[in-house]
Amino acid sequence: MELVKALPYMVGILTAIIADRHWLYSELKADKKEYEEKYQKKEAEVEELKDQINQLKIKIIKLENKK
């Protein structure tokens, strides 16, 4: 009989736990997406800087060959 009285409380606790897990998962998913976007932007910047470095190296080599 005590189990029957406690059943609504157990269901409430279980529902709260499920809702919290769902909220936490959605927050983590949103954070993951945000950081992936930031990573992709930084990766593009790195590639651009590498290209600039290579262009400068080519200019240096050309200048050295002129001397």
Protein backbone atom coordinates (compact mmCIF):
# COMPACT_ATOMS: atom_id res chain seq x y z
CA MET A 1 0.00 0.00 0.00
CA GLU A 2 2.87 2.35 0.77
CA LEU A 3 4.25 1.77 -2.71
CA VAL A 4 0.97 2.94 -4.21
CA LYS A 5 1.11 6.12 -2.12
CA ALA A 6 4.70 6.76 -3.19
CA LEU A 7 4.01 6.09 -6.87
CA PRO A 8 3.03 9.68 -7.78
CA TYR A 9 6.20 10.97 -6.12
CA MET A 10 8.36 8.45 -7.97
CA VAL A 11 6.72 9.38 -11.27
CA GLY A 12 7.29 13.07 -10.55
CA ILE A 13 10.93 12.51 -9.72
CA LEU A 14 11.43 10.36 -12.79
CA THR A 15 9.76 12.99 -14.98
CA ALA A 16 11.98 15.71 -13.53
CA ILE A 17 15.09 13.63 -14.17
CA ILE A 18 14.07 12.96 -17.77
CA ALA A 19 13.27 16.63 -18.37
CA ASP A 20 16.62 17.70 -16.90
CA ARG A 21 18.49 15.23 -19.06
CA HIS A 22 16.63 16.42 -22.14
CA TRP A 23 17.42 20.06 -21.34
CA LEU A 24 21.07 19.30 -20.67
CA TYR A 25 21.41 17.33 -23.91
CA SER A 26 19.88 20.14 -25.95
CA GLU A 27 22.22 22.69 -24.32
CA LEU A 28 25.25 20.53 -25.01
CA LYS A 29 24.13 20.04 -28.59
CA ALA A 30 23.79 23.82 -29.08
CA ASP A 31 27.22 24.43 -27.52
CA LYS A 32 28.77 21.76 -29.73
CA LYS A 33 27.34 23.41 -32.84
CA GLU A 34 28.62 26.83 -31.74
CA TYR A 35 32.14 25.55 -31.10
CA GLU A 36 32.19 23.63 -34.38
CA GLU A 37 31.34 26.85 -36.23
CA LYS A 38 34.08 28.74 -34.38
CA TYR A 39 36.53 25.96 -35.17
CA GLN A 40 35.69 26.06 -38.86
CA LYS A 41 36.15 29.85 -38.95
CA LYS A 42 39.52 29.60 -37.24
CA GLU A 43 40.56 26.78 -39.54
CA ALA A 44 39.75 28.97 -42.56
CA GLU A 45 41.80 31.81 -41.04
CA VAL A 46 44.74 29.45 -40.54
CA GLU A 47 44.57 28.31 -44.15
CA GLU A 48 44.49 31.93 -45.32
CA LEU A 49 47.53 32.75 -43.19
CA LYS A 50 49.37 29.72 -44.55
CA ASP A 51 48.68 30.93 -48.06
CA GLN A 52 49.99 34.39 -47.17
CA ILE A 53 53.14 32.85 -45.70
CA ASN A 54 53.71 30.82 -48.85
CA GLN A 55 53.26 33.91 -51.03
CA LEU A 56 55.77 35.82 -48.90
CA LYS A 57 58.24 32.95 -49.15
CA ILE A 58 57.91 33.03 -52.92
CA LYS A 59 58.54 36.80 -52.93
CA ILE A 60 61.62 36.34 -50.74
CA ILE A 61 63.00 33.66 -53.05
CA LYS A 62 62.42 35.88 -56.08
CA LEU A 63 64.17 38.80 -54.39
CA GLU A 64 67.11 36.61 -53.42
CA ASN A 65 67.42 35.34 -57.00
CA LYS A 66 67.50 38.92 -58.33
CA LYS A 67 70.54 39.71 -56.18
